[in-house]
Structure formats: structure tokens, C-alpha cells
PDB file of N, CA and C in Angstrom:
ATOM      1  N   UNK A   1       5.595 -24.652 -18.582  1.00  0.00           N
ATOM      2  CA  UNK A   1       6.068 -23.291 -18.554  1.00  0.00           C
ATOM      3  C   UNK A   1       7.022 -23.103 -19.722  1.00  0.00           C
ATOM      4  N   UNK A   2       6.720 -22.142 -20.561  1.00  0.00           N
ATOM      5  CA  UNK A   2       7.552 -21.901 -21.720  1.00  0.00           C
ATOM      6  C   UNK A   2       8.849 -21.197 -21.356  1.00  0.00           C
ATOM      7  N   UNK A   3       9.799 -21.308 -22.251  1.00  0.00           N
ATOM      8  CA  UNK A   3      11.097 -20.680 -22.022  1.00  0.00           C
ATOM      9  C   UNK A   3      10.959 -19.158 -21.945  1.00  0.00           C
ATOM     10  N   UNK A   4      10.030 -18.604 -22.709  1.00  0.00           N
ATOM     11  CA  UNK A   4       9.796 -17.159 -22.669  1.00  0.00           C
ATOM     12  C   UNK A   4       9.335 -16.705 -21.293  1.00  0.00           C
ATOM     13  N   UNK A   5       8.448 -17.487 -20.681  1.00  0.00           N
ATOM     14  CA  UNK A   5       7.965 -17.161 -19.340  1.00  0.00           C
ATOM     15  C   UNK A   5       9.096 -17.236 -18.325  1.00  0.00           C
ATOM     16  N   UNK A   6       9.934 -18.249 -18.457  1.00  0.00           N
ATOM     17  CA  UNK A   6      11.059 -18.400 -17.536  1.00  0.00           C
ATOM     18  C   UNK A   6      12.008 -17.201 -17.638  1.00  0.00           C
ATOM     19  N   UNK A   7      12.257 -16.759 -18.873  1.00  0.00           N
ATOM     20  CA  UNK A   7      13.141 -15.612 -19.082  1.00  0.00           C
ATOM     21  C   UNK A   7      12.530 -14.349 -18.490  1.00  0.00           C
ATOM     22  N   UNK A   8      11.252 -14.129 -18.732  1.00  0.00           N
ATOM     23  CA  UNK A   8      10.574 -12.941 -18.188  1.00  0.00           C
ATOM     24  C   UNK A   8      10.596 -12.928 -16.662  1.00  0.00           C
ATOM     25  N   UNK A   9      10.328 -14.083 -16.059  1.00  0.00           N
ATOM     26  CA  UNK A   9      10.334 -14.167 -14.600  1.00  0.00           C
ATOM     27  C   UNK A   9      11.732 -13.919 -14.043  1.00  0.00           C
ATOM     28  N   UNK A  10      12.741 -14.458 -14.708  1.00  0.00           N
ATOM     29  CA  UNK A  10      14.124 -14.235 -14.272  1.00  0.00           C
ATOM     30  C   UNK A  10      14.505 -12.771 -14.421  1.00  0.00           C
ATOM     31  N   UNK A  11      14.018 -12.135 -15.499  1.00  0.00           N
ATOM     32  CA  UNK A  11      14.293 -10.708 -15.696  1.00  0.00           C
ATOM     33  C   UNK A  11      13.660  -9.878 -14.586  1.00  0.00           C
ATOM     34  N   UNK A  12      12.422 -10.207 -14.232  1.00  0.00           N
ATOM     35  CA  UNK A  12      11.744  -9.486 -13.146  1.00  0.00           C
ATOM     36  C   UNK A  12      12.512  -9.633 -11.834  1.00  0.00           C
ATOM     37  N   UNK A  13      12.941 -10.847 -11.556  1.00  0.00           N
ATOM     38  CA  UNK A  13      13.685 -11.088 -10.315  1.00  0.00           C
ATOM     39  C   UNK A  13      14.996 -10.311 -10.302  1.00  0.00           C
ATOM     40  N   UNK A  14      15.742 -10.368 -11.400  1.00  0.00           N
ATOM     41  CA  UNK A  14      17.042  -9.701 -11.475  1.00  0.00           C
ATOM     42  C   UNK A  14      16.892  -8.181 -11.417  1.00  0.00           C
ATOM     43  N   UNK A  15      15.930  -7.647 -12.151  1.00  0.00           N
ATOM     44  CA  UNK A  15      15.713  -6.203 -12.150  1.00  0.00           C
ATOM     45  C   UNK A  15      15.259  -5.738 -10.769  1.00  0.00           C
ATOM     46  N   UNK A  16      14.413  -6.515 -10.142  1.00  0.00           N
ATOM     47  CA  UNK A  16      13.953  -6.173  -8.798  1.00  0.00           C
ATOM     48  C   UNK A  16      15.091  -6.182  -7.799  1.00  0.00           C
ATOM     49  N   UNK A  17      15.942  -7.180  -7.895  1.00  0.00           N
ATOM     50  CA  UNK A  17      17.102  -7.272  -7.000  1.00  0.00           C
ATOM     51  C   UNK A  17      18.020  -6.067  -7.198  1.00  0.00           C
ATOM     52  N   UNK A  18      18.247  -5.693  -8.463  1.00  0.00           N
ATOM     53  CA  UNK A  18      19.112  -4.549  -8.763  1.00  0.00           C
ATOM     54  C   UNK A  18      18.512  -3.252  -8.214  1.00  0.00           C
ATOM     55  N   UNK A  19      17.218  -3.052  -8.433  1.00  0.00           N
ATOM     56  CA  UNK A  19      16.563  -1.846  -7.917  1.00  0.00           C
ATOM     57  C   UNK A  19      16.618  -1.794  -6.398  1.00  0.00           C
ATOM     58  N   UNK A  20      16.402  -2.945  -5.779  1.00  0.00           N
ATOM     59  CA  UNK A  20      16.421  -3.006  -4.320  1.00  0.00           C
ATOM     60  C   UNK A  20      17.808  -2.626  -3.788  1.00  0.00           C
ATOM     61  N   UNK A  21      18.856  -3.148  -4.400  1.00  0.00           N
ATOM     62  CA  UNK A  21      20.215  -2.834  -3.969  1.00  0.00           C
ATOM     63  C   UNK A  21      20.567  -1.376  -4.247  1.00  0.00           C
ATOM     64  N   UNK A  22      20.146  -0.862  -5.397  1.00  0.00           N
ATOM     65  CA  UNK A  22      20.402   0.534  -5.729  1.00  0.00           C
ATOM     66  C   UNK A  22      19.674   1.462  -4.761  1.00  0.00           C
ATOM     67  N   UNK A  23      18.441   1.129  -4.447  1.00  0.00           N
ATOM     68  CA  UNK A  23      17.674   1.924  -3.490  1.00  0.00           C
ATOM     69  C   UNK A  23      18.311   1.915  -2.124  1.00  0.00           C
ATOM     70  N   UNK A  24      18.869   0.781  -1.740  1.00  0.00           N
ATOM     71  CA  UNK A  24      19.559   0.673  -0.456  1.00  0.00           C
ATOM     72  C   UNK A  24      20.836   1.511  -0.468  1.00  0.00           C
ATOM     73  N   UNK A  25      21.591   1.421  -1.568  1.00  0.00           N
ATOM     74  CA  UNK A  25      22.849   2.166  -1.673  1.00  0.00           C
ATOM     75  C   UNK A  25      22.613   3.680  -1.702  1.00  0.00           C
ATOM     76  N   UNK A  26      21.531   4.099  -2.323  1.00  0.00           N
ATOM     77  CA  UNK A  26      21.224   5.525  -2.433  1.00  0.00           C
ATOM     78  C   UNK A  26      20.340   6.022  -1.291  1.00  0.00           C
ATOM     79  N   UNK A  27      20.048   5.145  -0.363  1.00  0.00           N
ATOM     80  CA  UNK A  27      19.146   5.465   0.744  1.00  0.00           C
ATOM     81  C   UNK A  27      17.815   6.009   0.221  1.00  0.00           C
ATOM     82  N   UNK A  28      17.277   5.298  -0.773  1.00  0.00           N
ATOM     83  CA  UNK A  28      16.022   5.667  -1.409  1.00  0.00           C
ATOM     84  C   UNK A  28      14.992   4.578  -1.107  1.00  0.00           C
ATOM     85  N   UNK A  29      14.166   4.772  -0.089  1.00  0.00           N
ATOM     86  CA  UNK A  29      13.220   3.721   0.298  1.00  0.00           C
ATOM     87  C   UNK A  29      12.176   3.409  -0.774  1.00  0.00           C
ATOM     88  N   UNK A  30      11.816   4.400  -1.599  1.00  0.00           N
ATOM     89  CA  UNK A  30      10.827   4.150  -2.653  1.00  0.00           C
ATOM     90  C   UNK A  30      11.381   3.202  -3.710  1.00  0.00           C
ATOM     91  N   UNK A  31      12.621   3.431  -4.130  1.00  0.00           N
ATOM     92  CA  UNK A  31      13.240   2.567  -5.125  1.00  0.00           C
ATOM     93  C   UNK A  31      13.465   1.175  -4.553  1.00  0.00           C
ATOM     94  N   UNK A  32      13.867   1.123  -3.300  1.00  0.00           N
ATOM     95  CA  UNK A  32      14.082  -0.164  -2.638  1.00  0.00           C
ATOM     96  C   UNK A  32      12.772  -0.961  -2.584  1.00  0.00           C
ATOM     97  N   UNK A  33      11.681  -0.292  -2.224  1.00  0.00           N
ATOM     98  CA  UNK A  33      10.377  -0.948  -2.149  1.00  0.00           C
ATOM     99  C   UNK A  33       9.905  -1.398  -3.529  1.00  0.00           C
ATOM    100  N   UNK A  34      10.141  -0.565  -4.535  1.00  0.00           N
ATOM    101  CA  UNK A  34       9.753  -0.921  -5.905  1.00  0.00           C
ATOM    102  C   UNK A  34      10.515  -2.167  -6.367  1.00  0.00           C
ATOM    103  N   UNK A  35      11.798  -2.216  -6.041  1.00  0.00           N
ATOM    104  CA  UNK A  35      12.602  -3.376  -6.405  1.00  0.00           C
ATOM    105  C   UNK A  35      12.146  -4.633  -5.703  1.00  0.00           C
ATOM    106  N   UNK A  36      11.845  -4.496  -4.434  1.00  0.00           N
ATOM    107  CA  UNK A  36      11.373  -5.660  -3.668  1.00  0.00           C
ATOM    108  C   UNK A  36      10.055  -6.175  -4.242  1.00  0.00           C
ATOM    109  N   UNK A  37       9.163  -5.252  -4.591  1.00  0.00           N
ATOM    110  CA  UNK A  37       7.870  -5.648  -5.159  1.00  0.00           C
ATOM    111  C   UNK A  37       8.056  -6.354  -6.496  1.00  0.00           C
ATOM    112  N   UNK A  38       8.968  -5.851  -7.329  1.00  0.00           N
ATOM    113  CA  UNK A  38       9.207  -6.474  -8.634  1.00  0.00           C
ATOM    114  C   UNK A  38       9.813  -7.859  -8.466  1.00  0.00           C
ATOM    115  N   UNK A  39      10.706  -8.001  -7.502  1.00  0.00           N
ATOM    116  CA  UNK A  39      11.323  -9.302  -7.242  1.00  0.00           C
ATOM    117  C   UNK A  39      10.272 -10.302  -6.758  1.00  0.00           C
ATOM    118  N   UNK A  40       9.405  -9.874  -5.866  1.00  0.00           N
ATOM    119  CA  UNK A  40       8.338 -10.741  -5.355  1.00  0.00           C
ATOM    120  C   UNK A  40       7.389 -11.131  -6.484  1.00  0.00           C
ATOM    121  N   UNK A  41       7.090 -10.187  -7.359  1.00  0.00           N
ATOM    122  CA  UNK A  41       6.208 -10.480  -8.493  1.00  0.00           C
ATOM    123  C   UNK A  41       6.804 -11.571  -9.379  1.00  0.00           C
ATOM    124  N   UNK A  42       8.097 -11.479  -9.647  1.00  0.00           N
ATOM    125  CA  UNK A  42       8.762 -12.505 -10.443  1.00  0.00           C
ATOM    126  C   UNK A  42       8.721 -13.857  -9.765  1.00  0.00           C
ATOM    127  N   UNK A  43       8.929 -13.867  -8.448  1.00  0.00           N
ATOM    128  CA  UNK A  43       8.873 -15.122  -7.697  1.00  0.00           C
ATOM    129  C   UNK A  43       7.473 -15.725  -7.715  1.00  0.00           C
ATOM    130  N   UNK A  44       6.459 -14.885  -7.560  1.00  0.00           N
ATOM    131  CA  UNK A  44       5.081 -15.382  -7.575  1.00  0.00           C
ATOM    132  C   UNK A  44       4.700 -15.941  -8.942  1.00  0.00           C
ATOM    133  N   UNK A  45       5.120 -15.259  -9.998  1.00  0.00           N
ATOM    134  CA  UNK A  45       4.828 -15.760 -11.341  1.00  0.00           C
ATOM    135  C   UNK A  45       5.486 -17.120 -11.561  1.00  0.00           C
ATOM    136  N   UNK A  46       6.727 -17.249 -11.115  1.00  0.00           N
ATOM    137  CA  UNK A  46       7.429 -18.530 -11.250  1.00  0.00           C
ATOM    138  C   UNK A  46       6.706 -19.626 -10.488  1.00  0.00           C
ATOM    139  N   UNK A  47       6.292 -19.316  -9.278  1.00  0.00           N
ATOM    140  CA  UNK A  47       5.589 -20.306  -8.464  1.00  0.00           C
ATOM    141  C   UNK A  47       4.272 -20.712  -9.130  1.00  0.00           C
ATOM    142  N   UNK A  48       3.550 -19.756  -9.660  1.00  0.00           N
ATOM    143  CA  UNK A  48       2.289 -20.045 -10.344  1.00  0.00           C
ATOM    144  C   UNK A  48       2.487 -20.919 -11.563  1.00  0.00           C
ATOM    145  N   UNK A  49       3.524 -20.625 -12.324  1.00  0.00           N
ATOM    146  CA  UNK A  49       3.823 -21.440 -13.501  1.00  0.00           C
ATOM    147  C   UNK A  49       4.235 -22.851 -13.096  1.00  0.00           C
ATOM    148  N   UNK A  50       4.969 -22.985 -12.002  1.00  0.00           N
ATOM    149  CA  UNK A  50       5.377 -24.314 -11.519  1.00  0.00           C
ATOM    150  C   UNK A  50       4.165 -25.140 -11.101  1.00  0.00           C
ATOM    151  N   UNK A  51       3.212 -24.515 -10.451  1.00  0.00           N
ATOM    152  CA  UNK A  51       1.981 -25.205 -10.047  1.00  0.00           C
ATOM    153  C   UNK A  51       1.209 -25.638 -11.283  1.00  0.00           C
ATOM    154  N   UNK A  52       1.113 -24.728 -12.236  1.00  0.00           N
ATOM    155  CA  UNK A  52       0.397 -25.049 -13.467  1.00  0.00           C
ATOM    156  C   UNK A  52       1.052 -26.214 -14.192  1.00  0.00           C
ATOM    157  N   UNK A  53       2.387 -26.223 -14.235  1.00  0.00           N
ATOM    158  CA  UNK A  53       3.118 -27.318 -14.878  1.00  0.00           C
ATOM    159  C   UNK A  53       2.904 -28.645 -14.157  1.00  0.00           C
ATOM    160  N   UNK A  54       2.782 -28.589 -12.837  1.00  0.00           N
ATOM    161  CA  UNK A  54       2.609 -29.809 -12.055  1.00  0.00           C
ATOM    162  C   UNK A  54       1.285 -30.514 -12.379  1.00  0.00           C
ATOM    163  N   UNK A  55       0.279 -29.741 -12.786  1.00  0.00           N
ATOM    164  CA  UNK A  55      -1.026 -30.330 -13.078  1.00  0.00           C
ATOM    165  C   UNK A  55      -1.203 -30.719 -14.538  1.00  0.00           C
ATOM    166  N   UNK A  56      -0.167 -30.525 -15.330  1.00  0.00           N
ATOM    167  CA  UNK A  56      -0.271 -30.894 -16.743  1.00  0.00           C
ATOM    168  C   UNK A  56       0.255 -32.276 -16.986  1.00  0.00           C
TER     169      UNK A  56
END
């Protein structure tokens, strides 16, 4: 897993967490859901890259 991929995945996780918290604070379920989805996407990408690295 390249450093660029790690940075992108961390950015997705952080941005998703921020959106989720902002959506919660503003009582905006759409923003909260969007943030949660982005955070999950970052986690899944990280997991996929870890699996790929394990087989190399």
C-alpha cells in the first residue's frame, strides 16, 4: 500500500467523521449519513489495501 493511498484513506475517514459530527450537531440526517458513508468507504479501502499487501 503506497503512502498516497494511506493518505487518501485517512482523508476519507477524517472528512467522513467531520461530516457525521456536523450533521449530528445541525440535526441534519442527510449530512450525517453522507459522513458515515464516506468514513465507511475509507475504512473499506484501507482494509482492501491491507489484504492486498498481505498477499504480496
